[in-house]
PDB file of N, CA and C in Angstrom:
ATOM      1  N   MET A   1       6.355  13.402 -14.880  1.00  0.00           N
ATOM      2  CA  MET A   1       5.744  14.820 -14.548  1.00  0.00           C
ATOM      3  C   MET A   1       4.321  14.723 -14.758  1.00  0.00           C
ATOM      4  N   LEU A   2       3.498  15.169 -13.797  1.00  0.00           N
ATOM      5  CA  LEU A   2       2.044  15.159 -13.935  1.00  0.00           C
ATOM      6  C   LEU A   2       1.530  16.688 -14.037  1.00  0.00           C
ATOM      7  N   ARG A   3       0.597  16.909 -14.834  1.00  0.00           N
ATOM      8  CA  ARG A   3       0.043  18.236 -14.967  1.00  0.00           C
ATOM      9  C   ARG A   3      -1.557  18.096 -14.928  1.00  0.00           C
ATOM     10  N   GLY A   4      -2.078  18.999 -14.121  1.00  0.00           N
ATOM     11  CA  GLY A   4      -3.593  19.109 -14.247  1.00  0.00           C
ATOM     12  C   GLY A   4      -4.332  17.811 -13.718  1.00  0.00           C
ATOM     13  N   VAL A   5      -3.714  17.304 -12.740  1.00  0.00           N
ATOM     14  CA  VAL A   5      -4.155  15.987 -12.024  1.00  0.00           C
ATOM     15  C   VAL A   5      -5.147  16.510 -10.948  1.00  0.00           C
ATOM     16  N   ASP A   6      -6.343  16.109 -10.828  1.00  0.00           N
ATOM     17  CA  ASP A   6      -7.252  16.341  -9.802  1.00  0.00           C
ATOM     18  C   ASP A   6      -7.944  15.155  -9.370  1.00  0.00           C
ATOM     19  N   LEU A   7      -7.491  14.421  -8.298  1.00  0.00           N
ATOM     20  CA  LEU A   7      -8.035  13.169  -7.865  1.00  0.00           C
ATOM     21  C   LEU A   7      -8.458  13.129  -6.462  1.00  0.00           C
ATOM     22  N   VAL A   8      -9.651  12.548  -6.154  1.00  0.00           N
ATOM     23  CA  VAL A   8     -10.230  12.544  -4.795  1.00  0.00           C
ATOM     24  C   VAL A   8     -10.543  11.016  -4.623  1.00  0.00           C
ATOM     25  N   ILE A   9      -9.768  10.661  -3.472  1.00  0.00           N
ATOM     26  CA  ILE A   9     -10.156   9.208  -2.964  1.00  0.00           C
ATOM     27  C   ILE A   9     -10.732   9.423  -1.646  1.00  0.00           C
ATOM     28  N   PRO A  10     -12.030   8.942  -1.570  1.00  0.00           N
ATOM     29  CA  PRO A  10     -12.857   8.998  -0.343  1.00  0.00           C
ATOM     30  C   PRO A  10     -12.176   8.209   0.803  1.00  0.00           C
ATOM     31  N   ALA A  11     -12.190   8.691   1.963  1.00  0.00           N
ATOM     32  CA  ALA A  11     -11.665   7.927   3.221  1.00  0.00           C
ATOM     33  C   ALA A  11     -12.310   6.525   3.094  1.00  0.00           C
ATOM     34  N   GLY A  12     -11.415   5.460   3.526  1.00  0.00           N
ATOM     35  CA  GLY A  12     -11.853   4.174   3.581  1.00  0.00           C
ATOM     36  C   GLY A  12     -12.197   3.378   2.373  1.00  0.00           C
ATOM     37  N   GLN A  13     -11.717   4.056   1.251  1.00  0.00           N
ATOM     38  CA  GLN A  13     -11.878   3.465  -0.066  1.00  0.00           C
ATOM     39  C   GLN A  13     -10.494   2.878  -0.497  1.00  0.00           C
ATOM     40  N   ALA A  14     -10.675   1.950  -1.424  1.00  0.00           N
ATOM     41  CA  ALA A  14      -9.415   1.375  -2.022  1.00  0.00           C
ATOM     42  C   ALA A  14      -9.525   1.749  -3.607  1.00  0.00           C
ATOM     43  N   VAL A  15      -8.315   2.099  -4.015  1.00  0.00           N
ATOM     44  CA  VAL A  15      -8.323   2.368  -5.498  1.00  0.00           C
ATOM     45  C   VAL A  15      -7.261   1.485  -6.210  1.00  0.00           C
ATOM     46  N   GLY A  16      -7.602   0.991  -7.297  1.00  0.00           N
ATOM     47  CA  GLY A  16      -6.550   0.324  -8.113  1.00  0.00           C
ATOM     48  C   GLY A  16      -6.413   1.222  -9.367  1.00  0.00           C
ATOM     49  N   LEU A  17      -5.103   1.154  -9.827  1.00  0.00           N
ATOM     50  CA  LEU A  17      -4.821   1.949 -10.991  1.00  0.00           C
ATOM     51  C   LEU A  17      -4.399   0.935 -12.002  1.00  0.00           C
ATOM     52  N   VAL A  18      -4.880   0.957 -13.187  1.00  0.00           N
ATOM     53  CA  VAL A  18      -4.404   0.017 -14.267  1.00  0.00           C
ATOM     54  C   VAL A  18      -4.079   0.784 -15.507  1.00  0.00           C
ATOM     55  N   GLY A  19      -3.316   0.231 -16.305  1.00  0.00           N
ATOM     56  CA  GLY A  19      -2.933   1.011 -17.651  1.00  0.00           C
ATOM     57  C   GLY A  19      -1.793   0.427 -18.149  1.00  0.00           C
ATOM     58  N   LEU A  20      -1.345   0.827 -19.363  1.00  0.00           N
ATOM     59  CA  LEU A  20      -0.274   0.420 -20.273  1.00  0.00           C
ATOM     60  C   LEU A  20       0.952   0.759 -19.430  1.00  0.00           C
ATOM     61  N   ASN A  21       2.179   0.033 -19.800  1.00  0.00           N
ATOM     62  CA  ASN A  21       3.475   0.641 -19.194  1.00  0.00           C
ATOM     63  C   ASN A  21       3.719   1.879 -19.849  1.00  0.00           C
ATOM     64  N   GLY A  22       4.182   2.715 -18.897  1.00  0.00           N
ATOM     65  CA  GLY A  22       4.527   4.146 -19.188  1.00  0.00           C
ATOM     66  C   GLY A  22       3.298   5.171 -19.140  1.00  0.00           C
ATOM     67  N   ALA A  23       2.226   4.610 -18.835  1.00  0.00           N
ATOM     68  CA  ALA A  23       1.060   5.514 -18.765  1.00  0.00           C
ATOM     69  C   ALA A  23       1.045   6.573 -17.435  1.00  0.00           C
ATOM     70  N   GLY A  24       1.883   6.304 -16.539  1.00  0.00           N
ATOM     71  CA  GLY A  24       2.045   7.220 -15.392  1.00  0.00           C
ATOM     72  C   GLY A  24       1.490   6.661 -14.054  1.00  0.00           C
ATOM     73  N   LYS A  25       1.040   5.470 -14.030  1.00  0.00           N
ATOM     74  CA  LYS A  25       0.576   5.065 -12.719  1.00  0.00           C
ATOM     75  C   LYS A  25       1.528   5.240 -11.658  1.00  0.00           C
ATOM     76  N   SER A  26       2.799   4.905 -11.797  1.00  0.00           N
ATOM     77  CA  SER A  26       3.766   4.887 -10.821  1.00  0.00           C
ATOM     78  C   SER A  26       3.998   6.400 -10.435  1.00  0.00           C
ATOM     79  N   THR A  27       4.062   7.248 -11.549  1.00  0.00           N
ATOM     80  CA  THR A  27       4.414   8.669 -11.327  1.00  0.00           C
ATOM     81  C   THR A  27       3.244   9.299 -10.491  1.00  0.00           C
ATOM     82  N   LEU A  28       1.983   8.893 -10.619  1.00  0.00           N
ATOM     83  CA  LEU A  28       0.921   9.334  -9.750  1.00  0.00           C
ATOM     84  C   LEU A  28       1.115   8.777  -8.320  1.00  0.00           C
ATOM     85  N   VAL A  29       1.419   7.475  -8.128  1.00  0.00           N
ATOM     86  CA  VAL A  29       1.418   6.889  -6.731  1.00  0.00           C
ATOM     87  C   VAL A  29       2.575   7.244  -5.958  1.00  0.00           C
ATOM     88  N   LYS A  30       3.719   7.314  -6.613  1.00  0.00           N
ATOM     89  CA  LYS A  30       5.000   7.522  -5.664  1.00  0.00           C
ATOM     90  C   LYS A  30       4.813   8.798  -4.908  1.00  0.00           C
ATOM     91  N   PRO A  31       4.424  10.031  -5.479  1.00  0.00           N
ATOM     92  CA  PRO A  31       4.321  11.136  -4.515  1.00  0.00           C
ATOM     93  C   PRO A  31       3.331  11.030  -3.501  1.00  0.00           C
ATOM     94  N   LEU A  32       2.170  10.140  -3.660  1.00  0.00           N
ATOM     95  CA  LEU A  32       1.337   9.914  -2.649  1.00  0.00           C
ATOM     96  C   LEU A  32       1.964   9.072  -1.449  1.00  0.00           C
ATOM     97  N   CYS A  33       2.872   8.391  -1.737  1.00  0.00           N
ATOM     98  CA  CYS A  33       3.656   7.545  -0.729  1.00  0.00           C
ATOM     99  C   CYS A  33       4.678   8.325  -0.160  1.00  0.00           C
ATOM    100  N   ARG A  34       4.955   9.541  -0.552  1.00  0.00           N
ATOM    101  CA  ARG A  34       6.042  10.505  -0.132  1.00  0.00           C
ATOM    102  C   ARG A  34       7.443   9.787  -0.542  1.00  0.00           C
ATOM    103  N   PHE A  35       7.520   9.277  -1.655  1.00  0.00           N
ATOM    104  CA  PHE A  35       8.814   8.861  -2.196  1.00  0.00           C
ATOM    105  C   PHE A  35       9.603  10.046  -2.795  1.00  0.00           C
ATOM    106  N   TYR A  36       8.718  10.896  -3.102  1.00  0.00           N
ATOM    107  CA  TYR A  36       9.356  12.279  -3.413  1.00  0.00           C
ATOM    108  C   TYR A  36       8.221  13.303  -3.271  1.00  0.00           C
ATOM    109  N   ASP A  37       8.494  14.555  -3.263  1.00  0.00           N
ATOM    110  CA  ASP A  37       7.459  15.464  -3.160  1.00  0.00           C
ATOM    111  C   ASP A  37       7.321  16.229  -4.462  1.00  0.00           C
ATOM    112  N   PRO A  38       6.176  16.809  -4.722  1.00  0.00           N
ATOM    113  CA  PRO A  38       6.031  17.557  -5.922  1.00  0.00           C
ATOM    114  C   PRO A  38       6.861  18.843  -6.005  1.00  0.00           C
ATOM    115  N   ASP A  39       7.337  19.172  -7.130  1.00  0.00           N
ATOM    116  CA  ASP A  39       7.938  20.407  -7.360  1.00  0.00           C
ATOM    117  C   ASP A  39       6.899  21.508  -7.391  1.00  0.00           C
ATOM    118  N   HIS A  40       5.753  21.377  -7.881  1.00  0.00           N
ATOM    119  CA  HIS A  40       4.789  22.497  -7.960  1.00  0.00           C
ATOM    120  C   HIS A  40       3.497  21.701  -7.544  1.00  0.00           C
ATOM    121  N   GLY A  41       2.451  22.666  -7.015  1.00  0.00           N
ATOM    122  CA  GLY A  41       1.257  22.138  -6.567  1.00  0.00           C
ATOM    123  C   GLY A  41       1.276  21.444  -5.219  1.00  0.00           C
ATOM    124  N   GLN A  42       0.359  20.629  -5.010  1.00  0.00           N
ATOM    125  CA  GLN A  42       0.171  20.106  -3.560  1.00  0.00           C
ATOM    126  C   GLN A  42      -0.609  18.805  -3.581  1.00  0.00           C
ATOM    127  N   ILE A  43      -0.246  17.927  -2.748  1.00  0.00           N
ATOM    128  CA  ILE A  43      -1.151  16.747  -2.545  1.00  0.00           C
ATOM    129  C   ILE A  43      -1.801  16.944  -1.147  1.00  0.00           C
ATOM    130  N   LEU A  44      -2.993  16.821  -0.951  1.00  0.00           N
ATOM    131  CA  LEU A  44      -3.644  17.165   0.306  1.00  0.00           C
ATOM    132  C   LEU A  44      -4.220  15.696   0.762  1.00  0.00           C
ATOM    133  N   TRP A  45      -4.070  15.440   2.004  1.00  0.00           N
ATOM    134  CA  TRP A  45      -4.520  14.403   2.852  1.00  0.00           C
ATOM    135  C   TRP A  45      -5.469  14.958   3.931  1.00  0.00           C
ATOM    136  N   ASP A  46      -6.652  14.664   3.828  1.00  0.00           N
ATOM    137  CA  ASP A  46      -7.629  15.317   4.758  1.00  0.00           C
ATOM    138  C   ASP A  46      -7.434  16.788   4.825  1.00  0.00           C
ATOM    139  N   GLY A  47      -7.201  17.522   3.808  1.00  0.00           N
ATOM    140  CA  GLY A  47      -6.891  18.916   3.639  1.00  0.00           C
ATOM    141  C   GLY A  47      -5.445  19.415   4.178  1.00  0.00           C
ATOM    142  N   VAL A  48      -4.675  18.492   4.522  1.00  0.00           N
ATOM    143  CA  VAL A  48      -3.334  18.829   4.946  1.00  0.00           C
ATOM    144  C   VAL A  48      -2.217  18.367   3.955  1.00  0.00           C
ATOM    145  N   ASP A  49      -1.389  19.386   3.475  1.00  0.00           N
ATOM    146  CA  ASP A  49      -0.388  19.116   2.551  1.00  0.00           C
ATOM    147  C   ASP A  49       0.533  17.966   3.069  1.00  0.00           C
ATOM    148  N   LEU A  50       0.718  16.995   2.143  1.00  0.00           N
ATOM    149  CA  LEU A  50       1.467  15.805   2.483  1.00  0.00           C
ATOM    150  C   LEU A  50       2.816  16.113   2.990  1.00  0.00           C
ATOM    151  N   ARG A  51       3.367  17.098   2.582  1.00  0.00           N
ATOM    152  CA  ARG A  51       4.825  17.673   3.035  1.00  0.00           C
ATOM    153  C   ARG A  51       4.752  17.856   4.517  1.00  0.00           C
ATOM    154  N   GLU A  52       3.713  18.036   5.068  1.00  0.00           N
ATOM    155  CA  GLU A  52       3.555  18.420   6.469  1.00  0.00           C
ATOM    156  C   GLU A  52       3.445  17.109   7.254  1.00  0.00           C
ATOM    157  N   LEU A  53       3.080  16.060   6.672  1.00  0.00           N
ATOM    158  CA  LEU A  53       2.933  14.741   7.332  1.00  0.00           C
ATOM    159  C   LEU A  53       4.286  13.881   7.411  1.00  0.00           C
ATOM    160  N   CYS A  54       4.385  13.257   8.547  1.00  0.00           N
ATOM    161  CA  CYS A  54       5.584  12.298   8.628  1.00  0.00           C
ATOM    162  C   CYS A  54       5.419  11.199   7.670  1.00  0.00           C
ATOM    163  N   PRO A  55       6.479  11.125   6.804  1.00  0.00           N
ATOM    164  CA  PRO A  55       6.312   9.954   5.721  1.00  0.00           C
ATOM    165  C   PRO A  55       6.189   8.516   6.479  1.00  0.00           C
ATOM    166  N   ARG A  56       6.959   8.247   7.640  1.00  0.00           N
ATOM    167  CA  ARG A  56       6.651   6.958   8.249  1.00  0.00           C
ATOM    168  C   ARG A  56       5.249   6.708   8.605  1.00  0.00           C
ATOM    169  N   GLU A  57       4.616   7.718   9.112  1.00  0.00           N
ATOM    170  CA  GLU A  57       3.276   7.655   9.702  1.00  0.00           C
ATOM    171  C   GLU A  57       2.301   7.497   8.453  1.00  0.00           C
ATOM    172  N   LEU A  58       2.683   8.395   7.346  1.00  0.00           N
ATOM    173  CA  LEU A  58       1.654   8.147   6.201  1.00  0.00           C
ATOM    174  C   LEU A  58       1.824   6.801   5.542  1.00  0.00           C
ATOM    175  N   ARG A  59       2.926   6.243   5.579  1.00  0.00           N
ATOM    176  CA  ARG A  59       3.162   4.896   4.844  1.00  0.00           C
ATOM    177  C   ARG A  59       2.598   3.786   5.653  1.00  0.00           C
ATOM    178  N   ARG A  60       2.436   4.022   6.886  1.00  0.00           N
ATOM    179  CA  ARG A  60       1.655   3.021   7.782  1.00  0.00           C
ATOM    180  C   ARG A  60       0.084   2.905   7.431  1.00  0.00           C
ATOM    181  N   ARG A  61      -0.290   4.036   6.577  1.00  0.00           N
ATOM    182  CA  ARG A  61      -1.737   3.961   6.385  1.00  0.00           C
ATOM    183  C   ARG A  61      -2.003   3.868   4.799  1.00  0.00           C
ATOM    184  N   ILE A  62      -0.986   3.480   4.053  1.00  0.00           N
ATOM    185  CA  ILE A  62      -1.195   3.436   2.490  1.00  0.00           C
ATOM    186  C   ILE A  62      -0.083   2.407   2.119  1.00  0.00           C
ATOM    187  N   GLY A  63      -0.698   1.744   1.053  1.00  0.00           N
ATOM    188  CA  GLY A  63       0.073   0.526   0.624  1.00  0.00           C
ATOM    189  C   GLY A  63       0.101   0.618  -0.960  1.00  0.00           C
ATOM    190  N   ALA A  64       1.183   0.368  -1.542  1.00  0.00           N
ATOM    191  CA  ALA A  64       1.318   0.169  -3.066  1.00  0.00           C
ATOM    192  C   ALA A  64       2.127  -0.831  -3.501  1.00  0.00           C
ATOM    193  N   THR A  65       1.848  -1.386  -4.640  1.00  0.00           N
ATOM    194  CA  THR A  65       2.709  -2.475  -5.151  1.00  0.00           C
ATOM    195  C   THR A  65       3.235  -1.884  -6.551  1.00  0.00           C
ATOM    196  N   PHE A  66       4.397  -1.870  -6.788  1.00  0.00           N
ATOM    197  CA  PHE A  66       4.783  -1.307  -8.139  1.00  0.00           C
ATOM    198  C   PHE A  66       5.388  -2.409  -9.041  1.00  0.00           C
ATOM    199  N   GLN A  67       5.469  -2.144 -10.167  1.00  0.00           N
ATOM    200  CA  GLN A  67       5.898  -3.033 -11.225  1.00  0.00           C
ATOM    201  C   GLN A  67       7.260  -3.587 -10.983  1.00  0.00           C
ATOM    202  N   ASP A  68       8.325  -2.772 -10.535  1.00  0.00           N
ATOM    203  CA  ASP A  68       9.578  -3.191 -10.063  1.00  0.00           C
ATOM    204  C   ASP A  68       9.313  -3.945  -8.786  1.00  0.00           C
ATOM    205  N   PHE A  69       9.244  -5.318  -8.839  1.00  0.00           N
ATOM    206  CA  PHE A  69       9.150  -6.145  -7.778  1.00  0.00           C
ATOM    207  C   PHE A  69      10.266  -6.936  -7.354  1.00  0.00           C
ATOM    208  N   MET A  70      10.258  -7.479  -6.221  1.00  0.00           N
ATOM    209  CA  MET A  70      11.268  -8.429  -5.685  1.00  0.00           C
ATOM    210  C   MET A  70      10.555  -9.420  -4.940  1.00  0.00           C
ATOM    211  N   GLU A  71      11.136 -10.586  -4.993  1.00  0.00           N
ATOM    212  CA  GLU A  71      10.472 -11.674  -4.202  1.00  0.00           C
ATOM    213  C   GLU A  71      11.061 -11.870  -2.804  1.00  0.00           C
ATOM    214  N   TYR A  72      10.268 -11.797  -1.727  1.00  0.00           N
ATOM    215  CA  TYR A  72      10.729 -11.974  -0.484  1.00  0.00           C
ATOM    216  C   TYR A  72      10.775 -13.354   0.028  1.00  0.00           C
ATOM    217  N   ASP A  73      11.900 -13.831   0.676  1.00  0.00           N
ATOM    218  CA  ASP A  73      11.917 -15.209   1.343  1.00  0.00           C
ATOM    219  C   ASP A  73      11.408 -15.187   2.684  1.00  0.00           C
ATOM    220  N   LEU A  74      10.055 -15.131   2.539  1.00  0.00           N
ATOM    221  CA  LEU A  74       9.344 -14.942   3.979  1.00  0.00           C
ATOM    222  C   LEU A  74       8.349 -16.108   4.069  1.00  0.00           C
ATOM    223  N   THR A  75       7.854 -16.404   5.274  1.00  0.00           N
ATOM    224  CA  THR A  75       6.672 -17.241   5.512  1.00  0.00           C
ATOM    225  C   THR A  75       5.420 -16.592   5.059  1.00  0.00           C
ATOM    226  N   ALA A  76       4.333 -17.283   4.912  1.00  0.00           N
ATOM    227  CA  ALA A  76       3.105 -16.721   4.607  1.00  0.00           C
ATOM    228  C   ALA A  76       2.620 -15.672   5.657  1.00  0.00           C
ATOM    229  N   ARG A  77       2.898 -16.047   6.842  1.00  0.00           N
ATOM    230  CA  ARG A  77       2.553 -15.117   8.004  1.00  0.00           C
ATOM    231  C   ARG A  77       3.341 -13.799   7.835  1.00  0.00           C
ATOM    232  N   GLU A  78       4.725 -13.959   7.564  1.00  0.00           N
ATOM    233  CA  GLU A  78       5.500 -12.773   7.391  1.00  0.00           C
ATOM    234  C   GLU A  78       5.114 -11.924   6.207  1.00  0.00           C
ATOM    235  N   ASN A  79       4.669 -12.618   5.099  1.00  0.00           N
ATOM    236  CA  ASN A  79       4.144 -11.763   3.947  1.00  0.00           C
ATOM    237  C   ASN A  79       2.815 -11.169   4.343  1.00  0.00           C
ATOM    238  N   ILE A  80       1.922 -11.763   5.015  1.00  0.00           N
ATOM    239  CA  ILE A  80       0.642 -11.076   5.340  1.00  0.00           C
ATOM    240  C   ILE A  80       0.981  -9.992   6.200  1.00  0.00           C
ATOM    241  N   ALA A  81       1.825 -10.016   7.176  1.00  0.00           N
ATOM    242  CA  ALA A  81       2.132  -8.915   8.192  1.00  0.00           C
ATOM    243  C   ALA A  81       2.998  -7.901   7.645  1.00  0.00           C
ATOM    244  N   LEU A  82       3.773  -8.001   6.495  1.00  0.00           N
ATOM    245  CA  LEU A  82       4.688  -7.063   5.904  1.00  0.00           C
ATOM    246  C   LEU A  82       4.140  -5.762   5.824  1.00  0.00           C
ATOM    247  N   GLY A  83       2.869  -5.392   5.635  1.00  0.00           N
ATOM    248  CA  GLY A  83       2.460  -4.155   5.639  1.00  0.00           C
ATOM    249  C   GLY A  83       2.296  -3.422   6.981  1.00  0.00           C
ATOM    250  N   ASP A  84       2.177  -4.285   8.098  1.00  0.00           N
ATOM    251  CA  ASP A  84       2.140  -3.829   9.375  1.00  0.00           C
ATOM    252  C   ASP A  84       2.796  -4.932  10.331  1.00  0.00           C
ATOM    253  N   LEU A  85       3.958  -4.700  10.590  1.00  0.00           N
ATOM    254  CA  LEU A  85       4.760  -5.751  11.387  1.00  0.00           C
ATOM    255  C   LEU A  85       4.236  -5.860  12.745  1.00  0.00           C
ATOM    256  N   THR A  86       3.434  -4.968  13.228  1.00  0.00           N
ATOM    257  CA  THR A  86       2.994  -4.998  14.567  1.00  0.00           C
ATOM    258  C   THR A  86       1.958  -6.265  14.639  1.00  0.00           C
ATOM    259  N   ALA A  87       1.581  -6.649  13.479  1.00  0.00           N
ATOM    260  CA  ALA A  87       0.560  -7.863  13.453  1.00  0.00           C
ATOM    261  C   ALA A  87       1.327  -9.143  13.419  1.00  0.00           C
ATOM    262  N   LEU A  88       2.613  -9.090  13.283  1.00  0.00           N
ATOM    263  CA  LEU A  88       3.370 -10.413  13.038  1.00  0.00           C
ATOM    264  C   LEU A  88       3.089 -11.549  14.283  1.00  0.00           C
ATOM    265  N   GLN A  89       2.858 -11.090  15.554  1.00  0.00           N
ATOM    266  CA  GLN A  89       2.718 -11.879  16.586  1.00  0.00           C
ATOM    267  C   GLN A  89       1.059 -12.088  16.919  1.00  0.00           C
ATOM    268  N   ASP A  90       0.298 -11.429  16.150  1.00  0.00           N
ATOM    269  CA  ASP A  90      -1.037 -11.426  16.493  1.00  0.00           C
ATOM    270  C   ASP A  90      -1.951 -12.361  15.522  1.00  0.00           C
ATOM    271  N   ASP A  91      -1.988 -13.605  16.077  1.00  0.00           N
ATOM    272  CA  ASP A  91      -2.737 -14.701  15.227  1.00  0.00           C
ATOM    273  C   ASP A  91      -4.062 -14.174  14.651  1.00  0.00           C
ATOM    274  N   ALA A  92      -4.897 -13.489  15.541  1.00  0.00           N
ATOM    275  CA  ALA A  92      -6.156 -13.288  15.033  1.00  0.00           C
ATOM    276  C   ALA A  92      -6.129 -12.206  13.996  1.00  0.00           C
ATOM    277  N   ARG A  93      -5.184 -11.213  13.968  1.00  0.00           N
ATOM    278  CA  ARG A  93      -4.993 -10.216  12.928  1.00  0.00           C
ATOM    279  C   ARG A  93      -4.462 -10.839  11.571  1.00  0.00           C
ATOM    280  N   VAL A  94      -3.622 -11.797  11.756  1.00  0.00           N
ATOM    281  CA  VAL A  94      -3.051 -12.463  10.553  1.00  0.00           C
ATOM    282  C   VAL A  94      -4.091 -13.287   9.936  1.00  0.00           C
ATOM    283  N   GLU A  95      -4.822 -14.092  10.679  1.00  0.00           N
ATOM    284  CA  GLU A  95      -5.859 -14.894  10.191  1.00  0.00           C
ATOM    285  C   GLU A  95      -7.009 -14.010   9.596  1.00  0.00           C
ATOM    286  N   HIS A  96      -7.289 -12.947  10.155  1.00  0.00           N
ATOM    287  CA  HIS A  96      -8.292 -12.124   9.619  1.00  0.00           C
ATOM    288  C   HIS A  96      -8.001 -11.611   8.120  1.00  0.00           C
ATOM    289  N   ALA A  97      -6.724 -11.032   8.203  1.00  0.00           N
ATOM    290  CA  ALA A  97      -6.190 -10.610   6.839  1.00  0.00           C
ATOM    291  C   ALA A  97      -6.200 -11.756   5.841  1.00  0.00           C
ATOM    292  N   ALA A  98      -5.648 -12.993   6.293  1.00  0.00           N
ATOM    293  CA  ALA A  98      -5.680 -14.078   5.333  1.00  0.00           C
ATOM    294  C   ALA A  98      -7.085 -14.442   4.751  1.00  0.00           C
ATOM    295  N   ARG A  99      -8.042 -14.390   5.643  1.00  0.00           N
ATOM    296  CA  ARG A  99      -9.504 -14.527   5.209  1.00  0.00           C
ATOM    297  C   ARG A  99     -10.050 -13.443   4.237  1.00  0.00           C
ATOM    298  N   LEU A 100      -9.559 -12.130   4.479  1.00  0.00           N
ATOM    299  CA  LEU A 100     -10.057 -11.161   3.657  1.00  0.00           C
ATOM    300  C   LEU A 100      -9.353 -11.257   2.371  1.00  0.00           C
ATOM    301  N   ALA A 101      -8.173 -11.745   2.233  1.00  0.00           N
ATOM    302  CA  ALA A 101      -7.591 -11.967   0.943  1.00  0.00           C
ATOM    303  C   ALA A 101      -7.902 -13.356   0.278  1.00  0.00           C
ATOM    304  N   ASP A 102      -8.829 -14.102   0.986  1.00  0.00           N
ATOM    305  CA  ASP A 102      -9.431 -15.256   0.602  1.00  0.00           C
ATOM    306  C   ASP A 102      -8.257 -16.415   0.281  1.00  0.00           C
ATOM    307  N   VAL A 103      -7.282 -16.351   1.277  1.00  0.00           N
ATOM    308  CA  VAL A 103      -6.120 -17.420   1.089  1.00  0.00           C
ATOM    309  C   VAL A 103      -5.974 -18.183   2.426  1.00  0.00           C
ATOM    310  N   HIS A 104      -6.892 -17.847   3.360  1.00  0.00           N
ATOM    311  CA  HIS A 104      -6.751 -18.643   4.725  1.00  0.00           C
ATOM    312  C   HIS A 104      -6.921 -20.119   4.504  1.00  0.00           C
ATOM    313  N   ASP A 105      -8.001 -20.517   3.868  1.00  0.00           N
ATOM    314  CA  ASP A 105      -8.356 -22.087   3.687  1.00  0.00           C
ATOM    315  C   ASP A 105      -7.089 -22.673   3.024  1.00  0.00           C
ATOM    316  N   LYS A 106      -6.542 -22.187   1.990  1.00  0.00           N
ATOM    317  CA  LYS A 106      -5.453 -22.731   1.244  1.00  0.00           C
ATOM    318  C   LYS A 106      -4.233 -22.788   2.300  1.00  0.00           C
ATOM    319  N   LEU A 107      -4.058 -21.606   2.986  1.00  0.00           N
ATOM    320  CA  LEU A 107      -2.734 -21.721   3.861  1.00  0.00           C
ATOM    321  C   LEU A 107      -2.875 -22.744   4.997  1.00  0.00           C
ATOM    322  N   ALA A 108      -4.232 -23.010   5.400  1.00  0.00           N
ATOM    323  CA  ALA A 108      -4.478 -23.966   6.500  1.00  0.00           C
ATOM    324  C   ALA A 108      -4.142 -25.366   6.056  1.00  0.00           C
ATOM    325  N   THR A 109      -4.182 -25.646   4.647  1.00  0.00           N
ATOM    326  CA  THR A 109      -3.817 -26.994   4.363  1.00  0.00           C
ATOM    327  C   THR A 109      -2.365 -27.177   4.166  1.00  0.00           C
ATOM    328  N   LEU A 110      -1.483 -26.178   4.239  1.00  0.00           N
ATOM    329  CA  LEU A 110      -0.044 -26.397   4.187  1.00  0.00           C
ATOM    330  C   LEU A 110       0.532 -27.092   5.552  1.00  0.00           C
ATOM    331  N   PRO A 111       1.785 -27.808   5.325  1.00  0.00           N
ATOM    332  CA  PRO A 111       2.218 -28.500   6.505  1.00  0.00           C
ATOM    333  C   PRO A 111       2.294 -27.820   7.687  1.00  0.00           C
ATOM    334  N   HIS A 112       2.625 -26.548   7.834  1.00  0.00           N
ATOM    335  CA  HIS A 112       2.761 -25.829   9.014  1.00  0.00           C
ATOM    336  C   HIS A 112       1.636 -24.788   9.301  1.00  0.00           C
ATOM    337  N   GLY A 113       0.531 -25.144   8.458  1.00  0.00           N
ATOM    338  CA  GLY A 113      -0.718 -24.120   8.558  1.00  0.00           C
ATOM    339  C   GLY A 113      -0.262 -22.692   8.119  1.00  0.00           C
TER     340      GLY A 113
END
């Protein structure tokens, strides 16, 4: 449960939340991803209540990694495109993302590139 939270994330910015286990990081992020809606109050995205936005479209624009993780048996390309599967067949987008993550040079040395 969150109370008295007032958070502004400017458009185009990335935010990382860090803290001890149980500090409320996931509790804050899960409603932003529309995993559930708030019982009270509201979450606004560009002034629009998140409950009015399509969860699928919202999730295309936001990413989160939670403590409860799982390993995916995927190629490096598939892992890179996991956040946007439309990029899977787009070599330029996958390479650009790999360069931004500073893993392109390492991946290029692997047997299948």
